[in-house]
Amino acid sequence: MEKRKRKLGDRSDGWKLRGLDPYDTVSPYIMVERCDAQNFFCDKFEISSAEQYVREKRSLGMRNFGLMHVILAAYVRTVSQKPYLNRFLSGQKVYARNSIQVNMAVKHEMVANETNTVIKVFFKPDDTAEDVYNKFAKTYQDAYAGGENDFDGTARIVNYIPGLLKKFAVWFLKLLDYFGLLPKALLNVSPFHGSMFITSMGSLGIPPIYHHLYNFGNIPIFIAFGAKRHACELSPDGEVVKKKYIDYTIVTDERICDGFAYASAFKVFRRYLANPWLLDSPPEEILTDPDIDKKPKKKKKKK
């Protein structure tokens, strides 16, 4: 992400937006919690092109490349073109995140008694699909290389705190987070802080769920995608054709941008899913959030 000098009011993980309209600055005080501001969106994409793309990548040596990497790469590219998707709220203030962070709960083995762990992958807006694949693979391998990753270690430390003190500790962490004082090392391992949380229901063989947003932390978007499914449709020639789809759901925090902004971002996201070869090269232009350095409008004095 773009490097810029930190100003008063900025956080270690984001820049305060100072040029928002009054409605955008007041609504976080009305819809205080993230669960107050959840919007639910569902869509699907036809995966014949994506599956062909996956086969090509695997033939080039990317052994575990899959649809998950296509979805992640499409999201990262969308953020590079629609940066307001990477905003977040903290302390009733709106910020532009200064990195792209994706959280995902993973299992080492698909068995009921295997505990989940959460990995956080850091991306750049100019990352290609290959970059996304390599960064995700490295983070996943590192998570299981030593038997316990940073998230598990932090959770274990918190677990040692007795019940009542644990409640106070969580309250204190929320207080620090409200004022943007959480240490960056803790933010980097927290599953409740990041650009987006993604979960795969496809590996479980079920449709996607609508996953709630967490009130703790600052994740504004939760994406879930389901198992592959077939559908019979009529072609323009009147013939019945069999197509393959993946359904996905997106739960969003409506306070970071309006419906028009979300809709335009979802259209860009859908375009990259339909034509993943666009993700093989970096974007021609990386856009920055227009409200970072925009000065608030001053009320004109009446003469």
C-alpha atoms as a PDB file:
ATOM      1  CA  MET A   1       0.000   0.000   0.000  1.00  0.00           C
ATOM      2  CA  GLU A   2       1.005   3.637  -0.400  1.00  0.00           C
ATOM      3  CA  LYS A   3       3.384   4.963   2.248  1.00  0.00           C
ATOM      4  CA  ARG A   4       2.355   8.222   3.849  1.00  0.00           C
ATOM      5  CA  LYS A   5       3.248  10.175   6.946  1.00  0.00           C
ATOM      6  CA  ARG A   6       1.163   9.287   9.976  1.00  0.00           C
ATOM      7  CA  LYS A   7      -0.970  12.167  11.240  1.00  0.00           C
ATOM      8  CA  LEU A   8      -2.733  12.839  14.514  1.00  0.00           C
ATOM      9  CA  GLY A   9      -5.778  10.574  14.705  1.00  0.00           C
ATOM     10  CA  ASP A  10      -4.348   7.863  12.428  1.00  0.00           C
ATOM     11  CA  ARG A  11      -3.889   4.291  13.667  1.00  0.00           C
ATOM     12  CA  SER A  12      -1.062   1.854  13.099  1.00  0.00           C
ATOM     13  CA  ASP A  13      -3.366  -0.135  10.786  1.00  0.00           C
ATOM     14  CA  GLY A  14      -5.154   2.715   9.022  1.00  0.00           C
ATOM     15  CA  TRP A  15      -5.488   6.378   8.119  1.00  0.00           C
ATOM     16  CA  LYS A  16      -8.380   8.410   9.464  1.00  0.00           C
ATOM     17  CA  LEU A  17     -10.734   9.684   6.763  1.00  0.00           C
ATOM     18  CA  ARG A  18     -11.191  13.407   7.294  1.00  0.00           C
ATOM     19  CA  GLY A  19     -13.264  14.394   4.271  1.00  0.00           C
ATOM     20  CA  LEU A  20     -16.421  12.342   4.811  1.00  0.00           C
ATOM     21  CA  ASP A  21     -19.906  13.824   4.545  1.00  0.00           C
ATOM     22  CA  PRO A  22     -21.789  14.516   7.807  1.00  0.00           C
ATOM     23  CA  TYR A  23     -24.051  11.463   7.381  1.00  0.00           C
ATOM     24  CA  ASP A  24     -21.023   9.160   7.173  1.00  0.00           C
ATOM     25  CA  THR A  25     -19.520  10.607  10.352  1.00  0.00           C
ATOM     26  CA  VAL A  26     -22.798  10.597  12.327  1.00  0.00           C
ATOM     27  CA  SER A  27     -24.084   7.114  11.386  1.00  0.00           C
ATOM     28  CA  PRO A  28     -21.413   5.256  13.437  1.00  0.00           C
ATOM     29  CA  TYR A  29     -22.819   6.949  16.539  1.00  0.00           C
ATOM     30  CA  ILE A  30     -26.330   5.753  15.627  1.00  0.00           C
ATOM     31  CA  MET A  31     -25.343   2.255  14.511  1.00  0.00           C
ATOM     32  CA  VAL A  32     -22.761   1.763  17.241  1.00  0.00           C
ATOM     33  CA  GLU A  33     -22.061  -1.953  16.903  1.00  0.00           C
ATOM     34  CA  ARG A  34     -21.051  -3.769  13.749  1.00  0.00           C
ATOM     35  CA  CYS A  35     -24.036  -6.098  14.090  1.00  0.00           C
ATOM     36  CA  ASP A  36     -26.306  -3.014  13.862  1.00  0.00           C
ATOM     37  CA  ALA A  37     -24.938  -2.221  10.403  1.00  0.00           C
ATOM     38  CA  GLN A  38     -24.827  -5.664   8.742  1.00  0.00           C
ATOM     39  CA  ASN A  39     -26.077  -6.007   5.182  1.00  0.00           C
ATOM     40  CA  PHE A  40     -26.414  -9.376   3.472  1.00  0.00           C
ATOM     41  CA  PHE A  41     -25.642 -10.062  -0.185  1.00  0.00           C
ATOM     42  CA  CYS A  42     -25.678 -13.289  -2.179  1.00  0.00           C
ATOM     43  CA  ASP A  43     -24.482 -14.053  -5.695  1.00  0.00           C
ATOM     44  CA  LYS A  44     -23.100 -16.867  -7.835  1.00  0.00           C
ATOM     45  CA  PHE A  45     -20.542 -17.301 -10.573  1.00  0.00           C
ATOM     46  CA  GLU A  46     -20.268 -19.809 -13.387  1.00  0.00           C
ATOM     47  CA  ILE A  47     -16.982 -21.637 -12.859  1.00  0.00           C
ATOM     48  CA  SER A  48     -16.103 -23.190 -16.234  1.00  0.00           C
ATOM     49  CA  SER A  49     -13.532 -20.447 -16.950  1.00  0.00           C
ATOM     50  CA  ALA A  50     -12.192 -20.543 -13.389  1.00  0.00           C
ATOM     51  CA  GLU A  51     -11.780 -24.331 -13.520  1.00  0.00           C
ATOM     52  CA  GLN A  52      -9.896 -24.089 -16.813  1.00  0.00           C
ATOM     53  CA  TYR A  53      -7.691 -21.412 -15.239  1.00  0.00           C
ATOM     54  CA  VAL A  54      -7.029 -23.660 -12.241  1.00  0.00           C
ATOM     55  CA  ARG A  55      -5.998 -26.547 -14.511  1.00  0.00           C
ATOM     56  CA  GLU A  56      -3.574 -24.278 -16.359  1.00  0.00           C
ATOM     57  CA  LYS A  57      -1.993 -23.110 -13.102  1.00  0.00           C
ATOM     58  CA  ARG A  58      -1.604 -26.651 -11.823  1.00  0.00           C
ATOM     59  CA  SER A  59       0.047 -27.684 -15.083  1.00  0.00           C
ATOM     60  CA  LEU A  60       2.622 -24.939 -14.422  1.00  0.00           C
ATOM     61  CA  GLY A  61       3.576 -26.511 -11.092  1.00  0.00           C
ATOM     62  CA  MET A  62       1.164 -24.782  -8.698  1.00  0.00           C
ATOM     63  CA  ARG A  63       0.089 -28.094  -7.231  1.00  0.00           C
ATOM     64  CA  ASN A  64      -2.583 -26.963  -4.789  1.00  0.00           C
ATOM     65  CA  PHE A  65      -3.872 -23.990  -6.758  1.00  0.00           C
ATOM     66  CA  GLY A  66      -7.677 -23.928  -6.537  1.00  0.00           C
ATOM     67  CA  LEU A  67     -10.809 -21.844  -6.688  1.00  0.00           C
ATOM     68  CA  MET A  68     -10.001 -20.378  -3.275  1.00  0.00           C
ATOM     69  CA  HIS A  69      -6.930 -18.710  -4.775  1.00  0.00           C
ATOM     70  CA  VAL A  70      -9.007 -17.358  -7.659  1.00  0.00           C
ATOM     71  CA  ILE A  71     -11.510 -15.829  -5.239  1.00  0.00           C
ATOM     72  CA  LEU A  72      -8.753 -14.334  -3.067  1.00  0.00           C
ATOM     73  CA  ALA A  73      -6.915 -12.896  -6.072  1.00  0.00           C
ATOM     74  CA  ALA A  74     -10.167 -11.425  -7.421  1.00  0.00           C
ATOM     75  CA  TYR A  75     -10.846  -9.791  -4.057  1.00  0.00           C
ATOM     76  CA  VAL A  76      -7.313  -8.319  -3.798  1.00  0.00           C
ATOM     77  CA  ARG A  77      -7.587  -6.928  -7.319  1.00  0.00           C
ATOM     78  CA  THR A  78     -11.018  -5.474  -6.557  1.00  0.00           C
ATOM     79  CA  VAL A  79      -9.584  -3.639  -3.538  1.00  0.00           C
ATOM     80  CA  SER A  80      -6.884  -2.159  -5.768  1.00  0.00           C
ATOM     81  CA  GLN A  81      -9.609  -0.649  -7.965  1.00  0.00           C
ATOM     82  CA  LYS A  82     -12.248   0.049  -5.292  1.00  0.00           C
ATOM     83  CA  PRO A  83     -10.212   1.066  -2.223  1.00  0.00           C
ATOM     84  CA  TYR A  84     -13.224   2.084  -0.134  1.00  0.00           C
ATOM     85  CA  LEU A  85     -13.861  -1.657   0.225  1.00  0.00           C
ATOM     86  CA  ASN A  86     -10.805  -1.675   2.504  1.00  0.00           C
ATOM     87  CA  ARG A  87     -12.140   0.825   5.022  1.00  0.00           C
ATOM     88  CA  PHE A  88     -13.015  -0.014   8.616  1.00  0.00           C
ATOM     89  CA  LEU A  89     -14.530   1.545  11.713  1.00  0.00           C
ATOM     90  CA  SER A  90     -12.946   1.902  15.120  1.00  0.00           C
ATOM     91  CA  GLY A  91     -13.939   4.232  17.923  1.00  0.00           C
ATOM     92  CA  GLN A  92     -16.859   5.525  15.790  1.00  0.00           C
ATOM     93  CA  LYS A  93     -14.326   6.831  13.248  1.00  0.00           C
ATOM     94  CA  VAL A  94     -13.849   5.626   9.669  1.00  0.00           C
ATOM     95  CA  TYR A  95     -10.361   4.646   8.512  1.00  0.00           C
ATOM     96  CA  ALA A  96      -8.716   3.517   5.278  1.00  0.00           C
ATOM     97  CA  ARG A  97      -6.679   0.405   5.988  1.00  0.00           C
ATOM     98  CA  ASN A  98      -3.018   0.707   5.045  1.00  0.00           C
ATOM     99  CA  SER A  99      -2.658  -2.961   4.040  1.00  0.00           C
ATOM    100  CA  ILE A 100      -4.770  -5.812   2.674  1.00  0.00           C
ATOM    101  CA  GLN A 101      -5.240  -8.486   5.331  1.00  0.00           C
ATOM    102  CA  VAL A 102      -7.330 -11.616   4.800  1.00  0.00           C
ATOM    103  CA  ASN A 103      -8.228 -13.941   7.674  1.00  0.00           C
ATOM    104  CA  MET A 104      -9.269 -17.550   7.260  1.00  0.00           C
ATOM    105  CA  ALA A 105     -10.041 -20.385   9.689  1.00  0.00           C
ATOM    106  CA  VAL A 106      -8.301 -23.578   8.577  1.00  0.00           C
ATOM    107  CA  LYS A 107      -7.981 -27.191   9.683  1.00  0.00           C
ATOM    108  CA  HIS A 108      -4.895 -29.323   9.173  1.00  0.00           C
ATOM    109  CA  GLU A 109      -7.156 -32.369   8.782  1.00  0.00           C
ATOM    110  CA  MET A 110     -10.866 -32.485   7.955  1.00  0.00           C
ATOM    111  CA  VAL A 111     -11.960 -34.329  11.097  1.00  0.00           C
ATOM    112  CA  ALA A 112     -14.413 -33.220  13.809  1.00  0.00           C
ATOM    113  CA  ASN A 113     -11.915 -33.257  16.683  1.00  0.00           C
ATOM    114  CA  GLU A 114      -9.280 -31.222  14.820  1.00  0.00           C
ATOM    115  CA  THR A 115      -9.129 -27.701  16.274  1.00  0.00           C
ATOM    116  CA  ASN A 116      -9.399 -24.714  13.959  1.00  0.00           C
ATOM    117  CA  THR A 117      -6.637 -22.188  13.706  1.00  0.00           C
ATOM    118  CA  VAL A 118      -6.791 -18.806  12.019  1.00  0.00           C
ATOM    119  CA  ILE A 119      -4.256 -17.615   9.497  1.00  0.00           C
ATOM    120  CA  LYS A 120      -3.823 -14.031   8.356  1.00  0.00           C
ATOM    121  CA  VAL A 121      -2.342 -13.393   4.927  1.00  0.00           C
ATOM    122  CA  PHE A 122      -0.969  -9.974   3.993  1.00  0.00           C
ATOM    123  CA  PHE A 123      -1.374  -8.949   0.365  1.00  0.00           C
ATOM    124  CA  LYS A 124      -0.430  -5.953  -1.755  1.00  0.00           C
ATOM    125  CA  PRO A 125      -2.819  -4.279  -4.231  1.00  0.00           C
ATOM    126  CA  ASP A 126      -0.533  -5.139  -7.174  1.00  0.00           C
ATOM    127  CA  ASP A 127      -0.390  -8.869  -6.348  1.00  0.00           C
ATOM    128  CA  THR A 128      -1.109 -11.265  -9.188  1.00  0.00           C
ATOM    129  CA  ALA A 129      -2.832 -14.641  -8.818  1.00  0.00           C
ATOM    130  CA  GLU A 130       0.583 -16.284  -8.545  1.00  0.00           C
ATOM    131  CA  ASP A 131       1.585 -13.866  -5.761  1.00  0.00           C
ATOM    132  CA  VAL A 132      -1.636 -14.664  -3.909  1.00  0.00           C
ATOM    133  CA  TYR A 133      -0.988 -18.396  -4.277  1.00  0.00           C
ATOM    134  CA  ASN A 134       2.589 -18.146  -2.992  1.00  0.00           C
ATOM    135  CA  LYS A 135       1.722 -15.904  -0.025  1.00  0.00           C
ATOM    136  CA  PHE A 136      -1.224 -18.054   0.996  1.00  0.00           C
ATOM    137  CA  ALA A 137       0.820 -21.280   0.705  1.00  0.00           C
ATOM    138  CA  LYS A 138       3.672 -19.855   2.780  1.00  0.00           C
ATOM    139  CA  THR A 139       1.358 -18.573   5.522  1.00  0.00           C
ATOM    140  CA  TYR A 140      -0.499 -21.890   5.665  1.00  0.00           C
ATOM    141  CA  GLN A 141       2.723 -23.915   5.829  1.00  0.00           C
ATOM    142  CA  ASP A 142       4.177 -21.626   8.513  1.00  0.00           C
ATOM    143  CA  ALA A 143       0.992 -22.037  10.577  1.00  0.00           C
ATOM    144  CA  TYR A 144       1.583 -25.772  10.917  1.00  0.00           C
ATOM    145  CA  ALA A 145       5.359 -25.912  10.680  1.00  0.00           C
ATOM    146  CA  GLY A 146       5.952 -25.546  14.422  1.00  0.00           C
ATOM    147  CA  GLY A 147       2.716 -27.063  15.651  1.00  0.00           C
ATOM    148  CA  GLU A 148       1.399 -23.733  17.023  1.00  0.00           C
ATOM    149  CA  ASN A 149       1.190 -20.436  15.165  1.00  0.00           C
ATOM    150  CA  ASP A 150       1.108 -16.904  16.593  1.00  0.00           C
ATOM    151  CA  PHE A 151      -2.695 -16.904  16.862  1.00  0.00           C
ATOM    152  CA  ASP A 152      -2.726 -20.184  18.807  1.00  0.00           C
ATOM    153  CA  GLY A 153       0.023 -18.942  21.110  1.00  0.00           C
ATOM    154  CA  THR A 154      -1.832 -15.706  21.854  1.00  0.00           C
ATOM    155  CA  ALA A 155      -5.099 -17.576  22.482  1.00  0.00           C
ATOM    156  CA  ARG A 156      -3.277 -19.934  24.845  1.00  0.00           C
ATOM    157  CA  ILE A 157      -1.910 -17.015  26.888  1.00  0.00           C
ATOM    158  CA  VAL A 158      -5.379 -15.457  27.195  1.00  0.00           C
ATOM    159  CA  ASN A 159      -6.793 -18.843  28.171  1.00  0.00           C
ATOM    160  CA  TYR A 160      -4.461 -18.987  31.202  1.00  0.00           C
ATOM    161  CA  ILE A 161      -6.152 -15.884  32.664  1.00  0.00           C
ATOM    162  CA  PRO A 162      -8.853 -16.768  35.264  1.00  0.00           C
ATOM    163  CA  GLY A 163     -12.486 -16.211  34.291  1.00  0.00           C
ATOM    164  CA  LEU A 164     -13.269 -12.798  35.845  1.00  0.00           C
ATOM    165  CA  LEU A 165      -9.840 -11.415  35.003  1.00  0.00           C
ATOM    166  CA  LYS A 166     -10.239 -12.734  31.472  1.00  0.00           C
ATOM    167  CA  LYS A 167     -13.432 -10.704  31.095  1.00  0.00           C
ATOM    168  CA  PHE A 168     -11.585  -7.613  32.322  1.00  0.00           C
ATOM    169  CA  ALA A 169      -8.649  -8.357  29.979  1.00  0.00           C
ATOM    170  CA  VAL A 170     -10.981  -8.512  26.965  1.00  0.00           C
ATOM    171  CA  TRP A 171     -12.672  -5.273  28.071  1.00  0.00           C
ATOM    172  CA  PHE A 172      -9.277  -3.618  28.389  1.00  0.00           C
ATOM    173  CA  LEU A 173      -8.264  -4.809  24.922  1.00  0.00           C
ATOM    174  CA  LYS A 174     -11.493  -3.347  23.534  1.00  0.00           C
ATOM    175  CA  LEU A 175     -10.701  -0.064  25.261  1.00  0.00           C
ATOM    176  CA  LEU A 176      -7.211   0.053  23.769  1.00  0.00           C
ATOM    177  CA  ASP A 177      -8.633  -0.826  20.355  1.00  0.00           C
ATOM    178  CA  TYR A 178     -11.256   1.927  20.620  1.00  0.00           C
ATOM    179  CA  PHE A 179      -8.524   4.531  20.954  1.00  0.00           C
ATOM    180  CA  GLY A 180      -6.216   2.830  18.430  1.00  0.00           C
ATOM    181  CA  LEU A 181      -3.662   1.815  21.045  1.00  0.00           C
ATOM    182  CA  LEU A 182      -3.482  -1.935  20.490  1.00  0.00           C
ATOM    183  CA  PRO A 183       0.120  -2.988  19.757  1.00  0.00           C
ATOM    184  CA  LYS A 184       0.731  -3.691  16.087  1.00  0.00           C
ATOM    185  CA  ALA A 185       2.115  -7.144  16.959  1.00  0.00           C
ATOM    186  CA  LEU A 186      -1.261  -8.036  18.458  1.00  0.00           C
ATOM    187  CA  LEU A 187      -3.165  -6.583  15.503  1.00  0.00           C
ATOM    188  CA  ASN A 188      -1.081  -8.727  13.146  1.00  0.00           C
ATOM    189  CA  VAL A 189      -2.206 -11.971  14.793  1.00  0.00           C
ATOM    190  CA  SER A 190      -5.758 -10.997  15.762  1.00  0.00           C
ATOM    191  CA  PRO A 191      -8.458 -12.862  13.793  1.00  0.00           C
ATOM    192  CA  PHE A 192     -10.827  -9.958  14.552  1.00  0.00           C
ATOM    193  CA  HIS A 193      -8.789  -7.333  12.721  1.00  0.00           C
ATOM    194  CA  GLY A 194      -8.315  -7.301   8.971  1.00  0.00           C
ATOM    195  CA  SER A 195      -9.747  -6.362   5.606  1.00  0.00           C
ATOM    196  CA  MET A 196     -11.896  -9.439   5.199  1.00  0.00           C
ATOM    197  CA  PHE A 197     -12.637 -12.871   6.658  1.00  0.00           C
ATOM    198  CA  ILE A 198     -13.276 -15.696   4.209  1.00  0.00           C
ATOM    199  CA  THR A 199     -14.611 -19.190   4.817  1.00  0.00           C
ATOM    200  CA  SER A 200     -15.151 -22.156   2.503  1.00  0.00           C
ATOM    201  CA  MET A 201     -18.312 -24.207   2.880  1.00  0.00           C
ATOM    202  CA  GLY A 202     -17.368 -26.028  -0.307  1.00  0.00           C
ATOM    203  CA  SER A 203     -14.903 -28.207   1.572  1.00  0.00           C
ATOM    204  CA  LEU A 204     -17.819 -29.228   3.832  1.00  0.00           C
ATOM    205  CA  GLY A 205     -20.104 -29.929   0.879  1.00  0.00           C
ATOM    206  CA  ILE A 206     -22.809 -27.411   1.849  1.00  0.00           C
ATOM    207  CA  PRO A 207     -24.086 -24.044   0.536  1.00  0.00           C
ATOM    208  CA  PRO A 208     -22.556 -20.844   1.948  1.00  0.00           C
ATOM    209  CA  ILE A 209     -23.802 -19.412   5.220  1.00  0.00           C
ATOM    210  CA  TYR A 210     -24.313 -15.759   6.104  1.00  0.00           C
ATOM    211  CA  HIS A 211     -21.618 -15.308   8.708  1.00  0.00           C
ATOM    212  CA  HIS A 212     -22.070 -12.493  11.201  1.00  0.00           C
ATOM    213  CA  LEU A 213     -19.517  -9.714  11.612  1.00  0.00           C
ATOM    214  CA  TYR A 214     -17.624  -9.457  14.891  1.00  0.00           C
ATOM    215  CA  ASN A 215     -18.294  -6.483  17.147  1.00  0.00           C
ATOM    216  CA  PHE A 216     -14.802  -6.851  18.559  1.00  0.00           C
ATOM    217  CA  GLY A 217     -12.068  -5.775  16.146  1.00  0.00           C
ATOM    218  CA  ASN A 218     -12.640  -4.041  12.824  1.00  0.00           C
ATOM    219  CA  ILE A 219     -13.334  -6.598  10.062  1.00  0.00           C
ATOM    220  CA  PRO A 220     -16.027  -5.033   7.816  1.00  0.00           C
ATOM    221  CA  ILE A 221     -16.578  -7.896   5.331  1.00  0.00           C
ATOM    222  CA  PHE A 222     -17.184 -11.638   5.679  1.00  0.00           C
ATOM    223  CA  ILE A 223     -17.283 -13.806   2.539  1.00  0.00           C
ATOM    224  CA  ALA A 224     -18.447 -17.421   2.450  1.00  0.00           C
ATOM    225  CA  PHE A 225     -18.607 -19.626  -0.618  1.00  0.00           C
ATOM    226  CA  GLY A 226     -20.256 -22.995  -1.028  1.00  0.00           C
ATOM    227  CA  ALA A 227     -19.919 -26.285  -2.840  1.00  0.00           C
ATOM    228  CA  LYS A 228     -20.068 -26.604  -6.607  1.00  0.00           C
ATOM    229  CA  ARG A 229     -23.541 -27.194  -8.004  1.00  0.00           C
ATOM    230  CA  HIS A 230     -25.023 -27.890 -11.422  1.00  0.00           C
ATOM    231  CA  ALA A 231     -27.908 -26.059 -13.077  1.00  0.00           C
ATOM    232  CA  CYS A 232     -29.711 -26.669 -16.361  1.00  0.00           C
ATOM    233  CA  GLU A 233     -30.407 -23.482 -18.318  1.00  0.00           C
ATOM    234  CA  LEU A 234     -31.669 -22.430 -21.722  1.00  0.00           C
ATOM    235  CA  SER A 235     -29.065 -21.116 -24.146  1.00  0.00           C
ATOM    236  CA  PRO A 236     -29.852 -18.201 -26.517  1.00  0.00           C
ATOM    237  CA  ASP A 237     -30.469 -20.877 -29.184  1.00  0.00           C
ATOM    238  CA  GLY A 238     -33.134 -22.524 -27.063  1.00  0.00           C
ATOM    239  CA  GLU A 239     -31.064 -25.552 -26.106  1.00  0.00           C
ATOM    240  CA  VAL A 240     -30.814 -26.888 -22.593  1.00  0.00           C
ATOM    241  CA  VAL A 241     -27.220 -26.613 -21.333  1.00  0.00           C
ATOM    242  CA  LYS A 242     -25.729 -27.829 -18.083  1.00  0.00           C
ATOM    243  CA  LYS A 243     -23.666 -25.272 -16.180  1.00  0.00           C
ATOM    244  CA  LYS A 244     -21.662 -25.381 -12.975  1.00  0.00           C
ATOM    245  CA  TYR A 245     -21.888 -22.670 -10.320  1.00  0.00           C
ATOM    246  CA  ILE A 246     -20.526 -21.672  -6.946  1.00  0.00           C
ATOM    247  CA  ASP A 247     -22.756 -19.605  -4.683  1.00  0.00           C
ATOM    248  CA  TYR A 248     -21.213 -17.067  -2.335  1.00  0.00           C
ATOM    249  CA  THR A 249     -22.502 -14.711   0.338  1.00  0.00           C
ATOM    250  CA  ILE A 250     -21.066 -11.422   1.569  1.00  0.00           C
ATOM    251  CA  VAL A 251     -21.929  -9.751   4.871  1.00  0.00           C
ATOM    252  CA  THR A 252     -20.860  -6.119   4.966  1.00  0.00           C
ATOM    253  CA  ASP A 253     -20.632  -3.195   7.351  1.00  0.00           C
ATOM    254  CA  GLU A 254     -22.759  -0.538   5.671  1.00  0.00           C
ATOM    255  CA  ARG A 255     -21.010   2.280   7.546  1.00  0.00           C
ATOM    256  CA  ILE A 256     -17.765   2.110   5.548  1.00  0.00           C
ATOM    257  CA  CYS A 257     -19.385   3.050   2.210  1.00  0.00           C
ATOM    258  CA  ASP A 258     -22.826   3.311   0.609  1.00  0.00           C
ATOM    259  CA  GLY A 259     -24.804   0.792  -1.430  1.00  0.00           C
ATOM    260  CA  PHE A 260     -23.728   2.237  -4.767  1.00  0.00           C
ATOM    261  CA  ALA A 261     -20.062   1.843  -3.825  1.00  0.00           C
ATOM    262  CA  TYR A 262     -20.600  -1.749  -2.698  1.00  0.00           C
ATOM    263  CA  ALA A 263     -22.562  -2.580  -5.867  1.00  0.00           C
ATOM    264  CA  SER A 264     -19.846  -1.221  -8.155  1.00  0.00           C
ATOM    265  CA  ALA A 265     -17.197  -3.181  -6.218  1.00  0.00           C
ATOM    266  CA  PHE A 266     -19.205  -6.421  -6.445  1.00  0.00           C
ATOM    267  CA  LYS A 267     -19.492  -5.962 -10.219  1.00  0.00           C
ATOM    268  CA  VAL A 268     -15.706  -5.627 -10.505  1.00  0.00           C
ATOM    269  CA  PHE A 269     -15.266  -8.699  -8.280  1.00  0.00           C
ATOM    270  CA  ARG A 270     -17.638 -10.674 -10.517  1.00  0.00           C
ATOM    271  CA  ARG A 271     -15.729  -9.603 -13.649  1.00  0.00           C
ATOM    272  CA  TYR A 272     -12.450 -11.005 -12.321  1.00  0.00           C
ATOM    273  CA  LEU A 273     -14.131 -14.274 -11.313  1.00  0.00           C
ATOM    274  CA  ALA A 274     -15.514 -14.628 -14.845  1.00  0.00           C
ATOM    275  CA  ASN A 275     -12.151 -13.898 -16.466  1.00  0.00           C
ATOM    276  CA  PRO A 276      -9.359 -14.853 -14.014  1.00  0.00           C
ATOM    277  CA  TRP A 277      -6.644 -14.476 -16.688  1.00  0.00           C
ATOM    278  CA  LEU A 278      -6.890 -10.731 -15.931  1.00  0.00           C
ATOM    279  CA  LEU A 279      -5.225 -11.588 -12.620  1.00  0.00           C
ATOM    280  CA  ASP A 280      -2.015 -12.830 -14.250  1.00  0.00           C
ATOM    281  CA  SER A 281      -0.546  -9.342 -14.518  1.00  0.00           C
ATOM    282  CA  PRO A 282      -0.507  -6.435 -12.037  1.00  0.00           C
ATOM    283  CA  PRO A 283      -3.189  -3.752 -12.413  1.00  0.00           C
ATOM    284  CA  GLU A 284      -2.378  -0.884 -14.748  1.00  0.00           C
ATOM    285  CA  GLU A 285      -3.383   1.575 -12.028  1.00  0.00           C
ATOM    286  CA  ILE A 286      -3.829   1.287  -8.269  1.00  0.00           C
ATOM    287  CA  LEU A 287      -6.405   3.660  -6.842  1.00  0.00           C
ATOM    288  CA  THR A 288      -6.217   5.201  -3.371  1.00  0.00           C
ATOM    289  CA  ASP A 289      -9.113   6.156  -1.149  1.00  0.00           C
ATOM    290  CA  PRO A 290     -10.196   9.660  -2.231  1.00  0.00           C
ATOM    291  CA  ASP A 291     -11.227  10.692   1.298  1.00  0.00           C
ATOM    292  CA  ILE A 292      -7.864  10.153   3.020  1.00  0.00           C
ATOM    293  CA  ASP A 293      -6.476  13.631   2.388  1.00  0.00           C
ATOM    294  CA  LYS A 294      -9.730  15.316   1.451  1.00  0.00           C
ATOM    295  CA  LYS A 295     -10.476  18.254   3.713  1.00  0.00           C
ATOM    296  CA  PRO A 296     -13.909  18.498   5.353  1.00  0.00           C
ATOM    297  CA  LYS A 297     -16.338  20.872   3.705  1.00  0.00           C
ATOM    298  CA  LYS A 298     -16.731  24.126   5.594  1.00  0.00           C
ATOM    299  CA  LYS A 299     -20.156  25.649   5.994  1.00  0.00           C
ATOM    300  CA  LYS A 300     -20.437  28.874   4.032  1.00  0.00           C
ATOM    301  CA  LYS A 301     -21.247  31.950   6.083  1.00  0.00           C
ATOM    302  CA  LYS A 302     -24.356  33.841   5.140  1.00  0.00           C
ATOM    303  CA  LYS A 303     -23.772  37.422   4.138  1.00  0.00           C
END
